[in-house]
Each structure stands twice: as C-alpha cells, then as structure tokens.
Amino acid sequence: ESPTWRANKDWGYTLGYNENDLIEVNQKAISLLEGIKA
C-alpha cells in the first residue's frame, strides 16, 4: 500500500503541494513500491 493516505488536494495544499506536485508524489509512491516488489 502506497504511503499516500493524505496525498489529496486538501491536505496537500495545506502542506504546500500544488496539483502537479500531488500527481508527481502519488506516482513517485508507486515507483517506490515497484522497486520494493522487484
């Protein structure tokens, strides 16, 4: 499970992330898990 439980717009904006940042960090989470799976 990716560590993205809070990686939505409301919490993301509060933490200084814009929409593009959030898309990138959610995809980065999946990439991390792919390496772990391998």
Full PDB file with SEQRES, HELIX, SHEET, SSBOND, CRYST1, ORIGX, SCALE, CONECT and MASTER records, all heavy atoms in Angstrom:
SEQRES   1 A   38  GLU SER PRO THR TRP ARG ALA ASN LYS ASP TRP GLY TYR          
SEQRES   2 A   38  THR LEU GLY TYR ASN GLU ASN ASP LEU ILE GLU VAL ASN          
SEQRES   3 A   38  GLN LYS ALA ILE SER LEU LEU GLU GLY ILE LYS ALA              
HELIX    1 AA1 LYS A    9  THR A   14  1                                   6    
HELIX    2 AA2 GLU A   19  LYS A   37  1                                  19    
CRYST1    1.000    1.000    1.000  90.00  90.00  90.00 P 1           1          
ORIGX1      1.000000  0.000000  0.000000        0.00000                         
ORIGX2      0.000000  1.000000  0.000000        0.00000                         
ORIGX3      0.000000  0.000000  1.000000        0.00000                         
SCALE1      1.000000  0.000000  0.000000        0.00000                         
SCALE2      0.000000  1.000000  0.000000        0.00000                         
SCALE3      0.000000  0.000000  1.000000        0.00000                         
ATOM      1  N   GLU A   1       0.840  -1.199   0.000  1.00  0.00           N  
ATOM      2  CA  GLU A   1       0.000   0.000   0.000  1.00  0.00           C  
ATOM      3  C   GLU A   1       0.876   1.251   0.000  1.00  0.00           C  
ATOM      4  O   GLU A   1       1.761   1.395   0.847  1.00  0.00           O  
ATOM      5  CB  GLU A   1      -0.911   0.024   1.229  1.00  0.00           C  
ATOM      6  CG  GLU A   1      -2.044  -0.984   1.203  1.00  0.00           C  
ATOM      7  CD  GLU A   1      -3.206  -0.532   0.326  1.00  0.00           C  
ATOM      8  OE1 GLU A   1      -3.131   0.567  -0.277  1.00  0.00           O  
ATOM      9  OE2 GLU A   1      -4.179  -1.296   0.235  1.00  0.00           O  
ATOM     10  N   SER A   2       0.630   2.145  -0.932  1.00  0.00           N  
ATOM     11  CA  SER A   2       1.443   3.358  -1.013  1.00  0.00           C  
ATOM     12  C   SER A   2       1.201   4.267   0.192  1.00  0.00           C  
ATOM     13  O   SER A   2       0.104   4.287   0.760  1.00  0.00           O  
ATOM     14  CB  SER A   2       1.131   4.118  -2.311  1.00  0.00           C  
ATOM     15  OG  SER A   2      -0.226   4.541  -2.322  1.00  0.00           O  
ATOM     16  N   PRO A   3       2.203   5.037   0.592  1.00  0.00           N  
ATOM     17  CA  PRO A   3       2.079   5.923   1.757  1.00  0.00           C  
ATOM     18  C   PRO A   3       1.395   7.241   1.399  1.00  0.00           C  
ATOM     19  O   PRO A   3       1.901   8.327   1.679  1.00  0.00           O  
ATOM     20  CB  PRO A   3       3.541   6.134   2.170  1.00  0.00           C  
ATOM     21  CG  PRO A   3       4.297   6.075   0.888  1.00  0.00           C  
ATOM     22  CD  PRO A   3       3.580   5.039   0.041  1.00  0.00           C  
ATOM     23  N   THR A   4       0.236   7.155   0.755  1.00  0.00           N  
ATOM     24  CA  THR A   4      -0.402   8.341   0.172  1.00  0.00           C  
ATOM     25  C   THR A   4      -1.799   8.597   0.732  1.00  0.00           C  
ATOM     26  O   THR A   4      -2.633   9.225   0.076  1.00  0.00           O  
ATOM     27  CB  THR A   4      -0.492   8.167  -1.355  1.00  0.00           C  
ATOM     28  OG1 THR A   4      -1.090   6.877  -1.650  1.00  0.00           O  
ATOM     29  CG2 THR A   4       0.873   8.247  -2.000  1.00  0.00           C  
ATOM     30  N   TRP A   5      -2.042   8.125   1.945  1.00  0.00           N  
ATOM     31  CA  TRP A   5      -3.359   8.279   2.562  1.00  0.00           C  
ATOM     32  C   TRP A   5      -3.760   9.751   2.672  1.00  0.00           C  
ATOM     33  O   TRP A   5      -4.940  10.089   2.562  1.00  0.00           O  
ATOM     34  CB  TRP A   5      -3.325   7.616   3.939  1.00  0.00           C  
ATOM     35  CG  TRP A   5      -4.613   7.540   4.678  1.00  0.00           C  
ATOM     36  CD1 TRP A   5      -5.695   6.764   4.362  1.00  0.00           C  
ATOM     37  CD2 TRP A   5      -4.953   8.231   5.897  1.00  0.00           C  
ATOM     38  NE1 TRP A   5      -6.691   6.929   5.297  1.00  0.00           N  
ATOM     39  CE2 TRP A   5      -6.262   7.823   6.251  1.00  0.00           C  
ATOM     40  CE3 TRP A   5      -4.277   9.138   6.702  1.00  0.00           C  
ATOM     41  CZ2 TRP A   5      -6.909   8.302   7.384  1.00  0.00           C  
ATOM     42  CZ3 TRP A   5      -4.922   9.621   7.839  1.00  0.00           C  
ATOM     43  CH2 TRP A   5      -6.227   9.209   8.175  1.00  0.00           C  
ATOM     44  N   ARG A   6      -2.797  10.634   2.851  1.00  0.00           N  
ATOM     45  CA  ARG A   6      -3.072  12.065   2.961  1.00  0.00           C  
ATOM     46  C   ARG A   6      -2.764  12.839   1.681  1.00  0.00           C  
ATOM     47  O   ARG A   6      -2.885  14.073   1.666  1.00  0.00           O  
ATOM     48  CB  ARG A   6      -2.229  12.669   4.079  1.00  0.00           C  
ATOM     49  CG  ARG A   6      -2.687  12.380   5.487  1.00  0.00           C  
ATOM     50  CD  ARG A   6      -3.996  13.056   5.830  1.00  0.00           C  
ATOM     51  NE  ARG A   6      -4.129  13.325   7.252  1.00  0.00           N  
ATOM     52  CZ  ARG A   6      -5.271  13.289   7.916  1.00  0.00           C  
ATOM     53  NH1 ARG A   6      -6.402  13.011   7.281  1.00  0.00           N  
ATOM     54  NH2 ARG A   6      -5.312  13.559   9.212  1.00  0.00           N  
ATOM     55  N   ALA A   7      -2.385  12.181   0.613  1.00  0.00           N  
ATOM     56  CA  ALA A   7      -1.898  12.886  -0.582  1.00  0.00           C  
ATOM     57  C   ALA A   7      -3.024  13.324  -1.515  1.00  0.00           C  
ATOM     58  O   ALA A   7      -2.995  13.109  -2.721  1.00  0.00           O  
ATOM     59  CB  ALA A   7      -0.893  12.017  -1.331  1.00  0.00           C  
ATOM     60  N   ASN A   8      -4.049  13.962  -0.920  1.00  0.00           N  
ATOM     61  CA  ASN A   8      -5.107  14.554  -1.733  1.00  0.00           C  
ATOM     62  C   ASN A   8      -4.969  16.071  -1.724  1.00  0.00           C  
ATOM     63  O   ASN A   8      -4.052  16.628  -1.119  1.00  0.00           O  
ATOM     64  CB  ASN A   8      -6.491  14.103  -1.239  1.00  0.00           C  
ATOM     65  CG  ASN A   8      -6.775  14.506   0.204  1.00  0.00           C  
ATOM     66  OD1 ASN A   8      -6.334  15.548   0.682  1.00  0.00           O  
ATOM     67  ND2 ASN A   8      -7.521  13.671   0.918  1.00  0.00           N  
ATOM     68  N   LYS A   9      -5.890  16.760  -2.381  1.00  0.00           N  
ATOM     69  CA  LYS A   9      -5.721  18.204  -2.576  1.00  0.00           C  
ATOM     70  C   LYS A   9      -5.822  19.013  -1.284  1.00  0.00           C  
ATOM     71  O   LYS A   9      -5.026  19.932  -1.064  1.00  0.00           O  
ATOM     72  CB  LYS A   9      -6.720  18.703  -3.620  1.00  0.00           C  
ATOM     73  CG  LYS A   9      -6.342  18.299  -5.041  1.00  0.00           C  
ATOM     74  CD  LYS A   9      -7.261  18.888  -6.079  1.00  0.00           C  
ATOM     75  CE  LYS A   9      -8.518  18.068  -6.243  1.00  0.00           C  
ATOM     76  NZ  LYS A   9      -9.315  18.476  -7.430  1.00  0.00           N  
ATOM     77  N   ASP A  10      -6.786  18.697  -0.433  1.00  0.00           N  
ATOM     78  CA  ASP A  10      -6.931  19.487   0.791  1.00  0.00           C  
ATOM     79  C   ASP A  10      -5.689  19.415   1.668  1.00  0.00           C  
ATOM     80  O   ASP A  10      -5.124  20.437   2.078  1.00  0.00           O  
ATOM     81  CB  ASP A  10      -8.157  19.011   1.590  1.00  0.00           C  
ATOM     82  CG  ASP A  10      -9.449  19.591   1.044  1.00  0.00           C  
ATOM     83  OD1 ASP A  10      -9.658  19.543  -0.183  1.00  0.00           O  
ATOM     84  OD2 ASP A  10     -10.244  20.096   1.837  1.00  0.00           O  
ATOM     85  N   TRP A  11      -5.252  18.186   1.982  1.00  0.00           N  
ATOM     86  CA  TRP A  11      -4.077  18.028   2.840  1.00  0.00           C  
ATOM     87  C   TRP A  11      -2.815  18.456   2.104  1.00  0.00           C  
ATOM     88  O   TRP A  11      -1.904  19.043   2.691  1.00  0.00           O  
ATOM     89  CB  TRP A  11      -3.967  16.577   3.312  1.00  0.00           C  
ATOM     90  CG  TRP A  11      -5.124  16.166   4.162  1.00  0.00           C  
ATOM     91  CD1 TRP A  11      -6.177  15.365   3.806  1.00  0.00           C  
ATOM     92  CD2 TRP A  11      -5.374  16.565   5.522  1.00  0.00           C  
ATOM     93  NE1 TRP A  11      -7.055  15.235   4.852  1.00  0.00           N  
ATOM     94  CE2 TRP A  11      -6.599  15.960   5.921  1.00  0.00           C  
ATOM     95  CE3 TRP A  11      -4.700  17.365   6.441  1.00  0.00           C  
ATOM     96  CZ2 TRP A  11      -7.141  16.130   7.184  1.00  0.00           C  
ATOM     97  CZ3 TRP A  11      -5.242  17.533   7.703  1.00  0.00           C  
ATOM     98  CH2 TRP A  11      -6.447  16.927   8.072  1.00  0.00           C  
ATOM     99  N   GLY A  12      -2.764  18.163   0.809  1.00  0.00           N  
ATOM    100  CA  GLY A  12      -1.592  18.553   0.026  1.00  0.00           C  
ATOM    101  C   GLY A  12      -1.400  20.056  -0.024  1.00  0.00           C  
ATOM    102  O   GLY A  12      -0.290  20.563   0.167  1.00  0.00           O  
ATOM    103  N   TYR A  13      -2.483  20.783  -0.281  1.00  0.00           N  
ATOM    104  CA  TYR A  13      -2.383  22.247  -0.332  1.00  0.00           C  
ATOM    105  C   TYR A  13      -1.934  22.790   1.018  1.00  0.00           C  
ATOM    106  O   TYR A  13      -1.134  23.735   1.088  1.00  0.00           O  
ATOM    107  CB  TYR A  13      -3.724  22.857  -0.712  1.00  0.00           C  
ATOM    108  CG  TYR A  13      -4.188  22.562  -2.127  1.00  0.00           C  
ATOM    109  CD1 TYR A  13      -5.500  22.812  -2.522  1.00  0.00           C  
ATOM    110  CD2 TYR A  13      -3.321  22.018  -3.074  1.00  0.00           C  
ATOM    111  CE1 TYR A  13      -5.938  22.537  -3.808  1.00  0.00           C  
ATOM    112  CE2 TYR A  13      -3.747  21.736  -4.364  1.00  0.00           C  
ATOM    113  CZ  TYR A  13      -5.061  21.995  -4.725  1.00  0.00           C  
ATOM    114  OH  TYR A  13      -5.485  21.721  -6.001  1.00  0.00           O  
ATOM    115  N   THR A  14      -2.448  22.211   2.094  1.00  0.00           N  
ATOM    116  CA  THR A  14      -2.057  22.646   3.437  1.00  0.00           C  
ATOM    117  C   THR A  14      -0.558  22.485   3.650  1.00  0.00           C  
ATOM    118  O   THR A  14       0.079  23.283   4.356  1.00  0.00           O  
ATOM    119  CB  THR A  14      -2.819  21.837   4.504  1.00  0.00           C  
ATOM    120  OG1 THR A  14      -4.220  22.063   4.348  1.00  0.00           O  
ATOM    121  CG2 THR A  14      -2.401  22.227   5.915  1.00  0.00           C  
ATOM    122  N   LEU A  15       0.014  21.459   3.022  1.00  0.00           N  
ATOM    123  CA  LEU A  15       1.432  21.163   3.197  1.00  0.00           C  
ATOM    124  C   LEU A  15       2.307  21.786   2.112  1.00  0.00           C  
ATOM    125  O   LEU A  15       3.499  21.485   2.020  1.00  0.00           O  
ATOM    126  CB  LEU A  15       1.625  19.638   3.215  1.00  0.00           C  
ATOM    127  CG  LEU A  15       1.045  18.939   4.450  1.00  0.00           C  
ATOM    128  CD1 LEU A  15       0.874  17.446   4.211  1.00  0.00           C  
ATOM    129  CD2 LEU A  15       1.941  19.177   5.665  1.00  0.00           C  
ATOM    130  N   GLY A  16       1.709  22.645   1.268  1.00  0.00           N  
ATOM    131  CA  GLY A  16       2.495  23.371   0.268  1.00  0.00           C  
ATOM    132  C   GLY A  16       2.623  22.696  -1.086  1.00  0.00           C  
ATOM    133  O   GLY A  16       3.447  23.105  -1.905  1.00  0.00           O  
ATOM    134  N   TYR A  17       1.809  21.682  -1.350  1.00  0.00           N  
ATOM    135  CA  TYR A  17       1.848  20.973  -2.630  1.00  0.00           C  
ATOM    136  C   TYR A  17       0.755  21.513  -3.553  1.00  0.00           C  
ATOM    137  O   TYR A  17      -0.395  21.655  -3.131  1.00  0.00           O  
ATOM    138  CB  TYR A  17       1.622  19.469  -2.434  1.00  0.00           C  
ATOM    139  CG  TYR A  17       2.789  18.717  -1.834  1.00  0.00           C  
ATOM    140  CD1 TYR A  17       3.140  18.895  -0.501  1.00  0.00           C  
ATOM    141  CD2 TYR A  17       3.526  17.822  -2.599  1.00  0.00           C  
ATOM    142  CE1 TYR A  17       4.214  18.207   0.057  1.00  0.00           C  
ATOM    143  CE2 TYR A  17       4.601  17.123  -2.053  1.00  0.00           C  
ATOM    144  CZ  TYR A  17       4.940  17.318  -0.730  1.00  0.00           C  
ATOM    145  OH  TYR A  17       6.000  16.629  -0.184  1.00  0.00           O  
ATOM    146  N   ASN A  18       1.109  21.793  -4.811  1.00  0.00           N  
ATOM    147  CA  ASN A  18       0.079  22.148  -5.776  1.00  0.00           C  
ATOM    148  C   ASN A  18      -0.395  20.881  -6.494  1.00  0.00           C  
ATOM    149  O   ASN A  18       0.084  19.779  -6.204  1.00  0.00           O  
ATOM    150  CB  ASN A  18       0.583  23.213  -6.765  1.00  0.00           C  
ATOM    151  CG  ASN A  18       1.765  22.731  -7.603  1.00  0.00           C  
ATOM    152  OD1 ASN A  18       1.867  21.556  -7.951  1.00  0.00           O  
ATOM    153  ND2 ASN A  18       2.679  23.648  -7.927  1.00  0.00           N  
ATOM    154  N   GLU A  19      -1.301  21.048  -7.430  1.00  0.00           N  
ATOM    155  CA  GLU A  19      -1.896  19.880  -8.084  1.00  0.00           C  
ATOM    156  C   GLU A  19      -0.856  19.038  -8.821  1.00  0.00           C  
ATOM    157  O   GLU A  19      -0.860  17.803  -8.730  1.00  0.00           O  
ATOM    158  CB  GLU A  19      -2.998  20.333  -9.049  1.00  0.00           C  
ATOM    159  CG  GLU A  19      -3.849  19.187  -9.577  1.00  0.00           C  
ATOM    160  CD  GLU A  19      -5.127  19.657 -10.241  1.00  0.00           C  
ATOM    161  OE1 GLU A  19      -5.824  20.511  -9.659  1.00  0.00           O  
ATOM    162  OE2 GLU A  19      -5.419  19.166 -11.350  1.00  0.00           O  
ATOM    163  N   ASN A  20       0.032  19.675  -9.548  1.00  0.00           N  
ATOM    164  CA  ASN A  20       1.064  18.928 -10.270  1.00  0.00           C  
ATOM    165  C   ASN A  20       2.015  18.213  -9.298  1.00  0.00           C  
ATOM    166  O   ASN A  20       2.458  17.088  -9.571  1.00  0.00           O  
ATOM    167  CB  ASN A  20       1.858  19.865 -11.179  1.00  0.00           C  
ATOM    168  CG  ASN A  20       1.061  20.314 -12.385  1.00  0.00           C  
ATOM    169  OD1 ASN A  20       0.159  19.617 -12.837  1.00  0.00           O  
ATOM    170  ND2 ASN A  20       1.382  21.493 -12.911  1.00  0.00           N  
ATOM    171  N   ASP A  21       2.321  18.871  -8.194  1.00  0.00           N  
ATOM    172  CA  ASP A  21       3.166  18.244  -7.168  1.00  0.00           C  
ATOM    173  C   ASP A  21       2.517  16.966  -6.650  1.00  0.00           C  
ATOM    174  O   ASP A  21       3.191  15.947  -6.426  1.00  0.00           O  
ATOM    175  CB  ASP A  21       3.376  19.194  -5.979  1.00  0.00           C  
ATOM    176  CG  ASP A  21       4.181  20.435  -6.336  1.00  0.00           C  
ATOM    177  OD1 ASP A  21       4.968  20.376  -7.292  1.00  0.00           O  
ATOM    178  OD2 ASP A  21       3.991  21.454  -5.642  1.00  0.00           O  
ATOM    179  N   LEU A  22       1.211  17.039  -6.436  1.00  0.00           N  
ATOM    180  CA  LEU A  22       0.492  15.885  -5.884  1.00  0.00           C  
ATOM    181  C   LEU A  22       0.456  14.724  -6.870  1.00  0.00           C  
ATOM    182  O   LEU A  22       0.613  13.561  -6.483  1.00  0.00           O  
ATOM    183  CB  LEU A  22      -0.925  16.289  -5.481  1.00  0.00           C  
ATOM    184  CG  LEU A  22      -1.014  17.158  -4.223  1.00  0.00           C  
ATOM    185  CD1 LEU A  22      -2.410  17.746  -4.074  1.00  0.00           C  
ATOM    186  CD2 LEU A  22      -0.644  16.341  -2.986  1.00  0.00           C  
ATOM    187  N   ILE A  23       0.233  15.036  -8.122  1.00  0.00           N  
ATOM    188  CA  ILE A  23       0.270  13.978  -9.139  1.00  0.00           C  
ATOM    189  C   ILE A  23       1.633  13.303  -9.134  1.00  0.00           C  
ATOM    190  O   ILE A  23       1.748  12.076  -9.148  1.00  0.00           O  
ATOM    191  CB  ILE A  23      -0.054  14.558 -10.536  1.00  0.00           C  
ATOM    192  CG1 ILE A  23      -1.510  15.015 -10.592  1.00  0.00           C  
ATOM    193  CG2 ILE A  23       0.226  13.510 -11.627  1.00  0.00           C  
ATOM    194  CD1 ILE A  23      -1.852  15.813 -11.844  1.00  0.00           C  
ATOM    195  N   GLU A  24       2.680  14.129  -9.090  1.00  0.00           N  
ATOM    196  CA  GLU A  24       4.046  13.601  -9.111  1.00  0.00           C  
ATOM    197  C   GLU A  24       4.340  12.748  -7.884  1.00  0.00           C  
ATOM    198  O   GLU A  24       4.928  11.659  -8.001  1.00  0.00           O  
ATOM    199  CB  GLU A  24       5.038  14.754  -9.182  1.00  0.00           C  
ATOM    200  CG  GLU A  24       6.490  14.307  -9.258  1.00  0.00           C  
ATOM    201  CD  GLU A  24       7.471  15.468  -9.347  1.00  0.00           C  
ATOM    202  OE1 GLU A  24       7.023  16.595  -9.598  1.00  0.00           O  
ATOM    203  OE2 GLU A  24       8.682  15.230  -9.154  1.00  0.00           O  
ATOM    204  N   VAL A  25       3.938  13.194  -6.697  1.00  0.00           N  
ATOM    205  CA  VAL A  25       4.277  12.449  -5.487  1.00  0.00           C  
ATOM    206  C   VAL A  25       3.469  11.150  -5.392  1.00  0.00           C  
ATOM    207  O   VAL A  25       3.979  10.136  -4.901  1.00  0.00           O  
ATOM    208  CB  VAL A  25       4.100  13.331  -4.231  1.00  0.00           C  
ATOM    209  CG1 VAL A  25       2.629  13.433  -3.802  1.00  0.00           C  
ATOM    210  CG2 VAL A  25       4.939  12.786  -3.077  1.00  0.00           C  
ATOM    211  N   ASN A  26       2.235  11.151  -5.884  1.00  0.00           N  
ATOM    212  CA  ASN A  26       1.461   9.911  -5.898  1.00  0.00           C  
ATOM    213  C   ASN A  26       2.081   8.890  -6.851  1.00  0.00           C  
ATOM    214  O   ASN A  26       2.132   7.689  -6.551  1.00  0.00           O  
ATOM    215  CB  ASN A  26       0.009  10.199  -6.287  1.00  0.00           C  
ATOM    216  CG  ASN A  26      -0.841  10.665  -5.112  1.00  0.00           C  
ATOM    217  OD1 ASN A  26      -1.235   9.875  -4.261  1.00  0.00           O  
ATOM    218  ND2 ASN A  26      -1.119  11.960  -5.055  1.00  0.00           N  
ATOM    219  N   GLN A  27       2.573   9.355  -7.984  1.00  0.00           N  
ATOM    220  CA  GLN A  27       3.223   8.446  -8.930  1.00  0.00           C  
ATOM    221  C   GLN A  27       4.595   7.998  -8.411  1.00  0.00           C  
ATOM    222  O   GLN A  27       5.003   6.856  -8.621  1.00  0.00           O  
ATOM    223  CB  GLN A  27       3.344   9.128 -10.293  1.00  0.00           C  
ATOM    224  CG  GLN A  27       1.994   9.366 -10.952  1.00  0.00           C  
ATOM    225  CD  GLN A  27       2.089  10.026 -12.316  1.00  0.00           C  
ATOM    226  OE1 GLN A  27       3.062  10.728 -12.611  1.00  0.00           O  
ATOM    227  NE2 GLN A  27       1.081   9.824 -13.146  1.00  0.00           N  
ATOM    228  N   LYS A  28       5.266   8.891  -7.700  1.00  0.00           N  
ATOM    229  CA  LYS A  28       6.549   8.538  -7.094  1.00  0.00           C  
ATOM    230  C   LYS A  28       6.368   7.419  -6.075  1.00  0.00           C  
ATOM    231  O   LYS A  28       7.227   6.534  -5.938  1.00  0.00           O  
ATOM    232  CB  LYS A  28       7.164   9.765  -6.426  1.00  0.00           C  
ATOM    233  CG  LYS A  28       8.574   9.551  -5.876  1.00  0.00           C  
ATOM    234  CD  LYS A  28       9.092  10.796  -5.165  1.00  0.00           C  
ATOM    235  CE  LYS A  28       9.306  11.941  -6.102  1.00  0.00           C  
ATOM    236  NZ  LYS A  28       9.915  13.122  -5.430  1.00  0.00           N  
ATOM    237  N   ALA A  29       5.243   7.437  -5.359  1.00  0.00           N  
ATOM    238  CA  ALA A  29       4.963   6.393  -4.372  1.00  0.00           C  
ATOM    239  C   ALA A  29       4.835   5.028  -5.034  1.00  0.00           C  
ATOM    240  O   ALA A  29       5.340   4.024  -4.521  1.00  0.00           O  
ATOM    241  CB  ALA A  29       3.676   6.728  -3.609  1.00  0.00           C  
ATOM    242  N   ILE A  30       4.172   4.985  -6.182  1.00  0.00           N  
ATOM    243  CA  ILE A  30       4.022   3.715  -6.891  1.00  0.00           C  
ATOM    244  C   ILE A  30       5.369   3.228  -7.407  1.00  0.00           C  
ATOM    245  O   ILE A  30       5.688   2.031  -7.359  1.00  0.00           O  
ATOM    246  CB  ILE A  30       3.016   3.859  -8.053  1.00  0.00           C  
ATOM    247  CG1 ILE A  30       1.650   4.309  -7.529  1.00  0.00           C  
ATOM    248  CG2 ILE A  30       2.887   2.540  -8.817  1.00  0.00           C  
ATOM    249  CD1 ILE A  30       1.046   3.422  -6.466  1.00  0.00           C  
ATOM    250  N   SER A  31       6.192   4.156  -7.884  1.00  0.00           N  
ATOM    251  CA  SER A  31       7.530   3.800  -8.361  1.00  0.00           C  
ATOM    252  C   SER A  31       8.369   3.193  -7.235  1.00  0.00           C  
ATOM    253  O   SER A  31       9.093   2.207  -7.439  1.00  0.00           O  
ATOM    254  CB  SER A  31       8.223   5.036  -8.935  1.00  0.00           C  
ATOM    255  OG  SER A  31       9.532   4.732  -9.366  1.00  0.00           O  
ATOM    256  N   LEU A  32       8.270   3.764  -6.037  1.00  0.00           N  
ATOM    257  CA  LEU A  32       8.992   3.222  -4.875  1.00  0.00           C  
ATOM    258  C   LEU A  32       8.567   1.783  -4.610  1.00  0.00           C  
ATOM    259  O   LEU A  32       9.414   0.898  -4.388  1.00  0.00           O  
ATOM    260  CB  LEU A  32       8.713   4.084  -3.645  1.00  0.00           C  
ATOM    261  CG  LEU A  32       9.294   3.552  -2.321  1.00  0.00           C  
ATOM    262  CD1 LEU A  32      10.787   3.836  -2.245  1.00  0.00           C  
ATOM    263  CD2 LEU A  32       8.576   4.180  -1.120  1.00  0.00           C  
ATOM    264  N   LEU A  33       7.266   1.541  -4.669  1.00  0.00           N  
ATOM    265  CA  LEU A  33       6.764   0.190  -4.389  1.00  0.00           C  
ATOM    266  C   LEU A  33       7.167  -0.797  -5.480  1.00  0.00           C  
ATOM    267  O   LEU A  33       7.383  -1.981  -5.195  1.00  0.00           O  
ATOM    268  CB  LEU A  33       5.239   0.220  -4.245  1.00  0.00           C  
ATOM    269  CG  LEU A  33       4.681   1.070  -3.099  1.00  0.00           C  
ATOM    270  CD1 LEU A  33       3.166   0.892  -2.998  1.00  0.00           C  
ATOM    271  CD2 LEU A  33       5.350   0.716  -1.767  1.00  0.00           C  
ATOM    272  N   GLU A  34       7.275  -0.333  -6.694  1.00  0.00           N  
ATOM    273  CA  GLU A  34       7.720  -1.216  -7.775  1.00  0.00           C  
ATOM    274  C   GLU A  34       9.135  -1.717  -7.520  1.00  0.00           C  
ATOM    275  O   GLU A  34       9.457  -2.889  -7.770  1.00  0.00           O  
ATOM    276  CB  GLU A  34       7.641  -0.488  -9.117  1.00  0.00           C  
ATOM    277  CG  GLU A  34       6.218  -0.302  -9.617  1.00  0.00           C  
ATOM    278  CD  GLU A  34       6.147   0.535 -10.883  1.00  0.00           C  
ATOM    279  OE1 GLU A  34       7.143   1.228 -11.197  1.00  0.00           O  
ATOM    280  OE2 GLU A  34       5.098   0.510 -11.556  1.00  0.00           O  
ATOM    281  N   GLY A  35       9.987  -0.832  -7.009  1.00  0.00           N  
ATOM    282  CA  GLY A  35      11.352  -1.242  -6.679  1.00  0.00           C  
ATOM    283  C   GLY A  35      11.389  -2.239  -5.542  1.00  0.00           C  
ATOM    284  O   GLY A  35      12.184  -3.192  -5.550  1.00  0.00           O  
ATOM    285  N   ILE A  36      10.519  -2.039  -4.557  1.00  0.00           N  
ATOM    286  CA  ILE A  36      10.433  -2.968  -3.426  1.00  0.00           C  
ATOM    287  C   ILE A  36       9.910  -4.328  -3.893  1.00  0.00           C  
ATOM    288  O   ILE A  36      10.420  -5.380  -3.492  1.00  0.00           O  
ATOM    289  CB  ILE A  36       9.530  -2.377  -2.326  1.00  0.00           C  
ATOM    290  CG1 ILE A  36      10.196  -1.125  -1.730  1.00  0.00           C  
ATOM    291  CG2 ILE A  36       9.239  -3.406  -1.244  1.00  0.00           C  
ATOM    292  CD1 ILE A  36       9.299  -0.333  -0.806  1.00  0.00           C  
ATOM    293  N   LYS A  37       8.913  -4.302  -4.762  1.00  0.00           N  
ATOM    294  CA  LYS A  37       8.370  -5.551  -5.298  1.00  0.00           C  
ATOM    295  C   LYS A  37       9.444  -6.341  -6.039  1.00  0.00           C  
ATOM    296  O   LYS A  37       9.551  -7.565  -5.898  1.00  0.00           O  
ATOM    297  CB  LYS A  37       7.203  -5.247  -6.234  1.00  0.00           C  
ATOM    298  CG  LYS A  37       6.624  -6.475  -6.932  1.00  0.00           C  
ATOM    299  CD  LYS A  37       5.454  -6.107  -7.845  1.00  0.00           C  
ATOM    300  CE  LYS A  37       4.925  -7.332  -8.576  1.00  0.00           C  
ATOM    301  NZ  LYS A  37       3.747  -6.995  -9.435  1.00  0.00           N  
ATOM    302  N   ALA A  38      10.251  -5.644  -6.815  1.00  0.00           N  
ATOM    303  CA  ALA A  38      11.295  -6.309  -7.592  1.00  0.00           C  
ATOM    304  C   ALA A  38      12.274  -7.049  -6.693  1.00  0.00           C  
ATOM    305  O   ALA A  38      12.773  -8.126  -7.055  1.00  0.00           O  
ATOM    306  CB  ALA A  38      12.032  -5.279  -8.448  1.00  0.00           C  
TER     307      ALA A  38                                                      
MASTER        0    0    0    2    0    0    0    6  306    1    0    3          
END                                                                             
